Protein backbone atom coordinates (compact mmCIF):
# COMPACT_ATOMS: atom_id res chain seq x y z
CA UNK A 1 -4.29 -26.81 -6.37
CA UNK A 2 -7.81 -24.76 -8.16
CA UNK A 3 -8.58 -21.43 -6.01
CA UNK A 4 -12.30 -19.68 -7.59
CA UNK A 5 -12.62 -16.24 -8.71
CA UNK A 6 -14.92 -14.59 -6.22
CA UNK A 7 -15.92 -10.84 -5.73
CA UNK A 8 -14.45 -9.64 -2.37
CA UNK A 9 -17.53 -8.80 -0.50
CA UNK A 10 -14.60 -7.94 2.00
CA UNK A 11 -11.41 -7.23 3.07
CA UNK A 12 -8.92 -8.03 5.95
CA UNK A 13 -6.15 -6.21 5.65
CA UNK A 14 -2.94 -6.90 7.77
CA UNK A 15 0.04 -5.14 9.49
CA UNK A 16 2.79 -8.07 9.65
CA UNK A 17 4.77 -7.80 12.35
CA UNK A 18 7.94 -10.01 13.06
CA UNK A 19 5.45 -12.22 16.04
CA UNK A 20 2.45 -9.92 15.39
CA UNK A 21 -0.13 -9.83 12.78
CA UNK A 22 -2.73 -7.55 13.86
CA UNK A 23 -6.00 -7.90 11.26
CA UNK A 24 -9.07 -5.20 11.11
CA UNK A 25 -12.04 -6.75 9.16
CA UNK A 26 -13.61 -3.96 6.79
CA UNK A 27 -17.15 -5.94 7.34
CA UNK A 28 -17.88 -5.60 10.65
CA UNK A 29 -14.15 -2.96 11.59
CA UNK A 30 -12.87 -5.61 14.26
CA UNK A 31 -9.53 -5.32 15.13
CA UNK A 32 -7.34 -8.67 16.55
CA UNK A 33 -3.80 -9.47 16.90
CA UNK A 34 -2.24 -13.46 15.45
CA UNK A 35 0.44 -14.53 16.60
CA UNK A 36 3.27 -14.66 13.73
CA UNK A 37 3.24 -18.72 13.56
CA UNK A 38 2.06 -21.29 11.19
CA UNK A 39 -0.12 -22.97 13.64
CA UNK A 40 -1.97 -19.52 14.92
CA UNK A 41 -1.63 -18.29 11.28
CA UNK A 42 -3.50 -21.80 9.84
CA UNK A 43 -6.42 -21.11 11.89
CA UNK A 44 -7.07 -17.93 11.39
CA UNK A 45 -6.75 -19.16 7.69
CA UNK A 46 -9.41 -21.50 8.28
CA UNK A 47 -12.63 -18.58 9.87
CA UNK A 48 -11.98 -16.88 6.60
CA UNK A 49 -14.50 -17.19 3.98
CA UNK A 50 -14.28 -17.89 1.03
CA UNK A 51 -15.14 -14.43 -0.15
CA UNK A 52 -13.06 -11.72 1.51
CA UNK A 53 -9.28 -10.39 0.10
CA UNK A 54 -6.93 -10.59 2.16
CA UNK A 55 -3.62 -7.95 2.14
CA UNK A 56 -0.90 -7.94 3.90
CA UNK A 57 2.01 -5.57 3.49
CA UNK A 58 6.06 -6.53 2.41
CA UNK A 59 7.81 -7.24 5.52
CA UNK A 60 10.74 -8.75 4.55
CA UNK A 61 10.02 -11.96 4.49
CA UNK A 62 7.76 -12.13 7.85
CA UNK A 63 4.32 -11.92 6.04
CA UNK A 64 6.07 -15.91 4.28
CA UNK A 65 3.88 -18.08 6.71
CA UNK A 66 0.77 -15.82 6.57
CA UNK A 67 0.79 -15.64 3.09
CA UNK A 68 0.86 -20.33 3.72
CA UNK A 69 -1.73 -20.41 5.45
CA UNK A 70 -3.95 -18.43 2.79
CA UNK A 71 -2.47 -20.46 -0.30
CA UNK A 72 -3.43 -23.82 2.32
CA UNK A 73 -6.60 -22.10 2.96
CA UNK A 74 -7.51 -21.81 -0.66
CA UNK A 75 -7.71 -17.32 0.90
CA UNK A 76 -6.90 -15.13 -2.04
CA UNK A 77 -4.35 -12.76 -0.47
CA UNK A 78 -2.70 -10.58 -1.94
CA UNK A 79 1.21 -8.31 -1.03
CA UNK A 80 0.72 -4.59 -1.69
CA UNK A 81 4.17 -2.82 -1.53
CA UNK A 82 4.00 -0.77 1.19
CA UNK A 83 5.82 2.02 -1.07
CA UNK A 84 3.29 2.55 -3.51
CA UNK A 85 0.28 1.92 -1.30
CA UNK A 86 2.33 5.63 0.31
CA UNK A 87 2.31 6.08 -2.66
CA UNK A 88 -0.86 6.20 -3.14
CA UNK A 89 -2.19 7.38 -0.49
């Protein structure tokens, strides 16, 4: 699969949990919760435009279904190491 490289126009931050993912959209400041299930994540990924970058934390594998859905939908994603993010803050 080929993914076109574009500069992100906005960012989607995802707080990943075992049963749900809390999503923050930097474009409009909205927060919503998506069930951490393959079908729901595929629907979520399909709603995102190509100009966004989705960033999620490493959570012991609970982020895998989200990343799979994003890759399948051709959306840019980054798995951030929470320890490094906290050190940066």
